[in-house]
Amino acid sequence: MPTSQITSPSPNATKKQIPPRAGVGLKAEHYQTILETLPDIGWFEVHPENYMGAGGPPHRYLGEIAARYPLSLHGVGASIGADKPLDTDHIKRLKALNERYAPGLFSEHLAWSSHDEVFFNDLLPVPYRQDSLDRVVDHVSQLQDHLGRRILIENPSVYVAFESSTMSEITFLERLVARTGCGLLLDCNNVYVSATNQNYDPVAYLDAFPVEHVGEIHLAGFARDEDDEGEPLLIDAHDREVADAVWALYDQTLARSGAVPTLIEWDNNIPHWDILYAEAMRAEEKLQAVRAKDTETESDLLLGRRHAS
């Protein structure tokens, strides 16, 4: 679809910063409920690939919701890990949407989803090698330059490890941040899925994760399966409530990072709005507790300075 089919950026678009609150993925099934009830929720996130048409109901609803709530764009189609140049037409469409809606955050995946002219339904991982890092650095830099903004890169859900990898996932992400200035999107569900599938400790992973670069957190539900040898295999399904084990990892993350914008991802088997909202409020309660603790600590520090003076 030609870029010209996307309507010109709104002259009234003003970036709304994403607050350190809970948000949810915006789904067409919930448009009407959101506009009729205006729920107390921090923000909404959308996949830009769903809004690359010229207009119509999707843009009408998104425009009305974006006028009332902060918005984040979470790309799934840039294929920054692919061993080929970025699709310039796709990047132009991303830029048009970025200018039109002025989202508070923009993120993409550490993955690839296309090869030659073939597009895959899944986001596929990259081997953690120097050549892969150099390629992803180039792609992230190119995307940031075209969008004129810093983007966040999400840690992937991985089902098998590459034997050719020469560095850890965390080292790969740290070097990516150092070379591009990008931020990170920490998906706690992906951590648990990958750790279970590859038999490593998710707690130790999060203890080592560079949370100082995290601008957004994702929570989602996973499905249980097993591999050919009968071992547990978790699928990043995004089709159910967040598991207790993932909530525990989220608590661990917040203890290190403080309050960070947190998204409930639910992309399949979309539930009634009340169910999705309840999941978001569970995250909101945890974020409120962290914010209250931070405020109390700041007050104690200020009081201590006054006494010292």
Protein backbone atom coordinates (compact mmCIF):
# COMPACT_ATOMS: atom_id res chain seq x y z
CA MET A 1 0.00 0.00 0.00
CA PRO A 2 1.59 3.32 -1.02
CA THR A 3 2.55 5.69 1.76
CA SER A 4 0.42 8.39 0.15
CA GLN A 5 -2.69 6.43 1.12
CA ILE A 6 -2.09 7.25 4.77
CA THR A 7 -3.64 10.60 5.52
CA SER A 8 -1.31 13.44 6.41
CA PRO A 9 -0.19 13.90 10.02
CA SER A 10 -2.67 15.67 12.24
CA PRO A 11 -1.62 19.28 12.83
CA ASN A 12 -3.03 18.96 16.35
CA ALA A 13 -1.07 15.83 17.29
CA THR A 14 0.77 16.43 20.54
CA LYS A 15 2.89 13.79 22.17
CA LYS A 16 1.38 12.59 25.44
CA GLN A 17 4.03 11.09 27.69
CA ILE A 18 3.31 7.54 28.83
CA PRO A 19 2.80 7.65 32.62
CA PRO A 20 4.23 4.97 34.94
CA ARG A 21 0.84 3.29 35.03
CA ALA A 22 -0.79 0.17 33.59
CA GLY A 23 -2.03 0.15 30.01
CA VAL A 24 -3.57 -2.38 27.63
CA GLY A 25 -3.39 -3.24 23.98
CA LEU A 26 -6.15 -1.47 22.08
CA LYS A 27 -8.48 -3.91 20.31
CA ALA A 28 -11.35 -3.18 17.94
CA GLU A 29 -13.65 -5.25 20.15
CA HIS A 30 -13.26 -2.65 22.89
CA TYR A 31 -13.44 0.62 20.90
CA GLN A 32 -17.05 1.38 21.75
CA THR A 33 -16.79 0.44 25.43
CA ILE A 34 -13.72 2.62 25.90
CA LEU A 35 -15.31 5.68 24.30
CA GLU A 36 -18.60 5.20 26.14
CA THR A 37 -17.11 4.59 29.61
CA LEU A 38 -13.71 6.38 29.44
CA PRO A 39 -12.09 3.93 31.88
CA ASP A 40 -9.40 5.07 34.30
CA ILE A 41 -6.45 3.47 32.56
CA GLY A 42 -3.00 4.88 31.98
CA TRP A 43 -2.53 4.41 28.24
CA PHE A 44 -3.14 2.25 25.18
CA GLU A 45 -0.76 0.46 22.86
CA VAL A 46 -1.40 -0.47 19.23
CA HIS A 47 0.38 -2.41 16.52
CA PRO A 48 1.01 0.20 13.79
CA GLU A 49 0.68 -2.48 11.11
CA ASN A 50 -3.06 -2.56 11.88
CA TYR A 51 -3.42 1.15 11.05
CA MET A 52 -1.55 1.53 7.76
CA GLY A 53 -4.70 2.05 5.71
CA ALA A 54 -5.93 5.40 4.48
CA GLY A 55 -8.56 5.92 7.14
CA GLY A 56 -11.99 4.50 7.87
CA PRO A 57 -13.28 3.22 11.23
CA PRO A 58 -9.90 2.05 12.61
CA HIS A 59 -8.38 5.54 12.30
CA ARG A 60 -11.57 7.25 13.41
CA TYR A 61 -11.68 5.25 16.64
CA LEU A 62 -7.94 5.44 17.20
CA GLY A 63 -7.99 9.20 16.70
CA GLU A 64 -10.77 9.63 19.25
CA ILE A 65 -9.03 7.42 21.79
CA ALA A 66 -5.63 9.03 21.17
CA ALA A 67 -7.22 12.42 21.88
CA ARG A 68 -8.11 11.19 25.36
CA TYR A 69 -5.30 8.81 26.32
CA PRO A 70 -1.54 8.54 25.82
CA LEU A 71 -0.66 6.17 23.00
CA SER A 72 2.24 3.80 22.35
CA LEU A 73 3.10 2.15 19.03
CA HIS A 74 4.51 -1.39 19.20
CA GLY A 75 5.74 -2.57 15.83
CA VAL A 76 5.73 -6.22 14.76
CA GLY A 77 6.76 -5.93 11.12
CA ALA A 78 10.06 -4.07 10.82
CA SER A 79 12.01 -7.36 10.98
CA ILE A 80 15.09 -5.64 12.38
CA GLY A 81 16.87 -8.98 12.89
CA ALA A 82 16.54 -10.05 9.25
CA ASP A 83 19.64 -10.61 7.15
CA LYS A 84 18.51 -8.06 4.58
CA PRO A 85 17.91 -4.30 4.39
CA LEU A 86 14.90 -2.83 6.11
CA ASP A 87 11.80 -2.40 3.97
CA THR A 88 11.87 1.32 3.15
CA ASP A 89 8.16 1.44 2.29
CA HIS A 90 7.31 -0.07 5.67
CA ILE A 91 9.56 2.43 7.44
CA LYS A 92 7.89 5.31 5.59
CA ARG A 93 4.48 4.10 6.76
CA LEU A 94 5.76 3.82 10.33
CA LYS A 95 7.06 7.36 10.09
CA ALA A 96 3.71 8.64 8.81
CA LEU A 97 1.87 7.00 11.71
CA ASN A 98 4.44 8.27 14.19
CA GLU A 99 3.93 11.82 12.95
CA ARG A 100 0.17 11.47 12.77
CA TYR A 101 -0.35 10.20 16.33
CA ALA A 102 2.81 11.42 18.15
CA PRO A 103 2.93 8.38 20.45
CA GLY A 104 4.63 8.65 23.82
CA LEU A 105 6.62 5.48 23.12
CA PHE A 106 7.63 3.50 20.06
CA SER A 107 8.95 -0.06 20.29
CA GLU A 108 9.95 -3.01 18.13
CA HIS A 109 11.10 -6.61 18.59
CA LEU A 110 14.55 -8.16 18.61
CA ALA A 111 13.43 -10.59 15.92
CA TRP A 112 12.93 -11.15 12.21
CA SER A 113 9.74 -12.06 10.39
CA SER A 114 10.56 -11.98 6.69
CA HIS A 115 13.02 -13.54 4.24
CA ASP A 116 13.18 -12.58 0.57
CA GLU A 117 9.49 -12.06 -0.27
CA VAL A 118 8.17 -14.47 2.39
CA PHE A 119 6.52 -13.12 5.55
CA PHE A 120 6.11 -15.34 8.60
CA ASN A 121 3.38 -15.27 11.23
CA ASP A 122 5.90 -15.65 14.05
CA LEU A 123 8.61 -13.33 15.32
CA LEU A 124 11.79 -15.38 14.99
CA PRO A 125 14.89 -14.93 17.18
CA VAL A 126 18.40 -14.01 16.09
CA PRO A 127 21.64 -15.75 17.08
CA TYR A 128 23.66 -13.72 19.56
CA ARG A 129 26.81 -13.22 17.50
CA GLN A 130 28.87 -10.22 16.48
CA ASP A 131 27.61 -10.25 12.89
CA SER A 132 24.01 -10.35 14.12
CA LEU A 133 24.70 -7.53 16.55
CA ASP A 134 26.25 -5.38 13.81
CA ARG A 135 23.21 -5.94 11.58
CA VAL A 136 20.69 -5.17 14.34
CA VAL A 137 22.68 -2.06 15.33
CA ASP A 138 22.48 -0.81 11.73
CA HIS A 139 18.75 -1.51 11.52
CA VAL A 140 17.90 0.07 14.87
CA SER A 141 19.97 3.14 14.01
CA GLN A 142 18.28 3.43 10.63
CA LEU A 143 14.82 3.12 12.18
CA GLN A 144 15.61 5.73 14.85
CA ASP A 145 17.01 8.11 12.25
CA HIS A 146 13.92 7.79 10.04
CA LEU A 147 11.48 8.20 12.91
CA GLY A 148 13.49 10.97 14.53
CA ARG A 149 13.14 9.41 17.96
CA ARG A 150 14.54 6.84 20.37
CA ILE A 151 12.86 3.45 20.20
CA LEU A 152 12.62 0.55 22.63
CA ILE A 153 13.68 -2.99 21.71
CA GLU A 154 11.91 -5.96 23.30
CA ASN A 155 13.62 -9.10 24.57
CA PRO A 156 12.23 -12.10 22.64
CA SER A 157 10.52 -15.32 23.66
CA VAL A 158 12.88 -18.10 22.58
CA TYR A 159 12.12 -21.79 22.25
CA VAL A 160 15.57 -23.17 21.38
CA ALA A 161 19.05 -21.68 21.71
CA PHE A 162 21.39 -21.15 18.75
CA GLU A 163 24.57 -23.20 19.05
CA SER A 164 26.34 -20.47 17.08
CA SER A 165 25.66 -17.78 19.71
CA THR A 166 28.83 -16.35 21.23
CA MET A 167 27.30 -14.02 23.82
CA SER A 168 24.36 -14.00 26.20
CA GLU A 169 21.07 -12.30 25.39
CA ILE A 170 21.70 -9.68 28.06
CA THR A 171 25.17 -8.90 26.71
CA PHE A 172 23.69 -8.58 23.21
CA LEU A 173 21.05 -6.13 24.47
CA GLU A 174 23.55 -4.12 26.51
CA ARG A 175 25.84 -3.72 23.50
CA LEU A 176 22.89 -2.78 21.31
CA VAL A 177 21.90 -0.01 23.75
CA ALA A 178 25.50 1.23 24.03
CA ARG A 179 25.94 1.48 20.27
CA THR A 180 22.54 2.90 19.28
CA GLY A 181 21.23 4.78 22.29
CA CYS A 182 17.97 2.85 22.08
CA GLY A 183 16.02 1.79 25.15
CA LEU A 184 14.64 -1.60 26.15
CA LEU A 185 11.20 -3.07 26.53
CA LEU A 186 11.32 -5.81 29.17
CA ASP A 187 8.74 -8.54 28.61
CA CYS A 188 8.53 -10.55 31.85
CA ASN A 189 6.43 -13.24 30.18
CA ASN A 190 9.10 -13.70 27.51
CA VAL A 191 11.70 -14.09 30.24
CA TYR A 192 9.71 -16.86 31.92
CA VAL A 193 8.90 -18.61 28.63
CA SER A 194 12.51 -18.53 27.42
CA ALA A 195 13.93 -19.58 30.80
CA THR A 196 11.58 -22.55 31.05
CA ASN A 197 12.19 -23.68 27.47
CA GLN A 198 15.97 -23.34 27.76
CA ASN A 199 16.28 -24.44 31.38
CA TYR A 200 17.84 -21.39 32.99
CA ASP A 201 16.91 -19.31 36.03
CA PRO A 202 14.56 -16.40 35.20
CA VAL A 203 15.27 -14.78 38.58
CA ALA A 204 19.00 -14.67 37.85
CA TYR A 205 18.27 -13.33 34.36
CA LEU A 206 16.26 -10.43 35.76
CA ASP A 207 18.85 -9.75 38.45
CA ALA A 208 21.35 -9.16 35.63
CA PHE A 209 19.02 -7.28 33.27
CA PRO A 210 19.97 -3.60 32.70
CA VAL A 211 16.72 -2.15 34.09
CA GLU A 212 18.14 1.38 33.92
CA HIS A 213 17.43 1.27 30.16
CA VAL A 214 13.89 -0.12 30.45
CA GLY A 215 11.17 2.29 29.29
CA GLU A 216 8.27 -0.16 29.23
CA ILE A 217 7.31 -3.57 30.66
CA HIS A 218 5.04 -6.18 29.09
CA LEU A 219 3.00 -8.86 30.86
CA ALA A 220 1.07 -11.59 29.05
CA GLY A 221 -0.23 -15.13 29.32
CA PHE A 222 1.48 -18.26 28.02
CA ALA A 223 0.21 -21.69 26.93
CA ARG A 224 1.68 -24.96 28.17
CA ASP A 225 2.78 -27.70 25.77
CA GLU A 226 5.60 -30.23 25.65
CA ASP A 227 8.39 -30.99 23.21
CA ASP A 228 9.13 -34.27 21.43
CA GLU A 229 10.91 -35.58 24.53
CA GLY A 230 8.03 -34.79 26.87
CA GLU A 231 9.74 -31.77 28.42
CA PRO A 232 7.73 -28.63 29.24
CA LEU A 233 7.41 -26.19 26.35
CA LEU A 234 5.81 -22.81 26.92
CA ILE A 235 4.23 -20.84 24.08
CA ASP A 236 4.05 -17.04 24.14
CA ALA A 237 0.33 -17.16 23.35
CA HIS A 238 -1.04 -13.78 24.57
CA ASP A 239 -4.44 -15.44 24.95
CA ARG A 240 -5.09 -15.64 28.69
CA GLU A 241 -4.44 -14.10 32.09
CA VAL A 242 -0.90 -13.46 33.31
CA ALA A 243 0.45 -16.47 35.23
CA ASP A 244 1.37 -16.18 38.92
CA ALA A 245 5.00 -17.02 38.11
CA VAL A 246 5.14 -14.05 35.72
CA TRP A 247 3.55 -11.75 38.30
CA ALA A 248 6.31 -12.81 40.69
CA LEU A 249 8.95 -11.85 38.11
CA TYR A 250 7.17 -8.53 37.65
CA ASP A 251 7.41 -7.87 41.41
CA GLN A 252 11.13 -8.63 41.22
CA THR A 253 11.52 -6.25 38.29
CA LEU A 254 9.68 -3.38 39.97
CA ALA A 255 11.84 -3.78 43.07
CA ARG A 256 14.83 -2.89 40.89
CA SER A 257 13.36 -0.56 38.27
CA GLY A 258 10.77 1.40 40.20
CA ALA A 259 7.45 2.25 38.53
CA VAL A 260 7.65 1.76 34.74
CA PRO A 261 4.77 1.90 32.21
CA THR A 262 3.37 -1.62 32.10
CA LEU A 263 1.27 -3.20 29.37
CA ILE A 264 -1.10 -6.16 29.58
CA GLU A 265 -0.76 -7.93 26.22
CA TRP A 266 -3.79 -9.96 25.13
CA ASP A 267 -3.80 -10.44 21.36
CA ASN A 268 -5.72 -13.70 20.86
CA ASN A 269 -9.05 -14.97 22.23
CA ILE A 270 -9.82 -11.35 23.12
CA PRO A 271 -11.80 -11.28 26.39
CA HIS A 272 -14.58 -9.01 27.56
CA TRP A 273 -13.29 -5.55 28.46
CA ASP A 274 -13.89 -6.13 32.19
CA ILE A 275 -11.49 -9.10 32.22
CA LEU A 276 -8.72 -7.19 30.46
CA TYR A 277 -9.29 -4.16 32.68
CA ALA A 278 -9.05 -6.32 35.81
CA GLU A 279 -5.65 -7.60 34.70
CA ALA A 280 -4.49 -4.03 34.13
CA MET A 281 -5.73 -3.00 37.58
CA ARG A 282 -3.71 -5.80 39.16
CA ALA A 283 -0.60 -4.28 37.59
CA GLU A 284 -1.81 -0.79 38.54
CA GLU A 285 -2.02 -1.75 42.22
CA LYS A 286 1.58 -2.93 42.16
CA LEU A 287 2.70 0.26 40.40
CA GLN A 288 0.82 2.41 42.92
CA ALA A 289 2.57 0.62 45.77
CA VAL A 290 5.95 1.27 44.16
CA ARG A 291 5.14 4.93 43.53
CA ALA A 292 3.96 5.35 47.13
CA LYS A 293 7.15 3.77 48.43
CA ASP A 294 9.28 6.02 46.20
CA THR A 295 7.37 9.09 47.41
CA GLU A 296 7.87 8.05 51.03
CA THR A 297 11.59 7.56 50.45
CA GLU A 298 11.90 10.98 48.80
CA SER A 299 10.04 12.59 51.70
CA ASP A 300 12.33 10.90 54.21
CA LEU A 301 15.40 12.13 52.30
CA LEU A 302 14.08 15.70 52.17
CA LEU A 303 13.26 15.59 55.89
CA GLY A 304 16.75 14.28 56.62
CA ARG A 305 18.34 17.11 54.65
CA ARG A 306 16.31 19.71 56.54
CA HIS A 307 17.35 18.27 59.91
CA ALA A 308 20.96 18.11 58.77
CA SER A 309 20.90 21.78 57.79
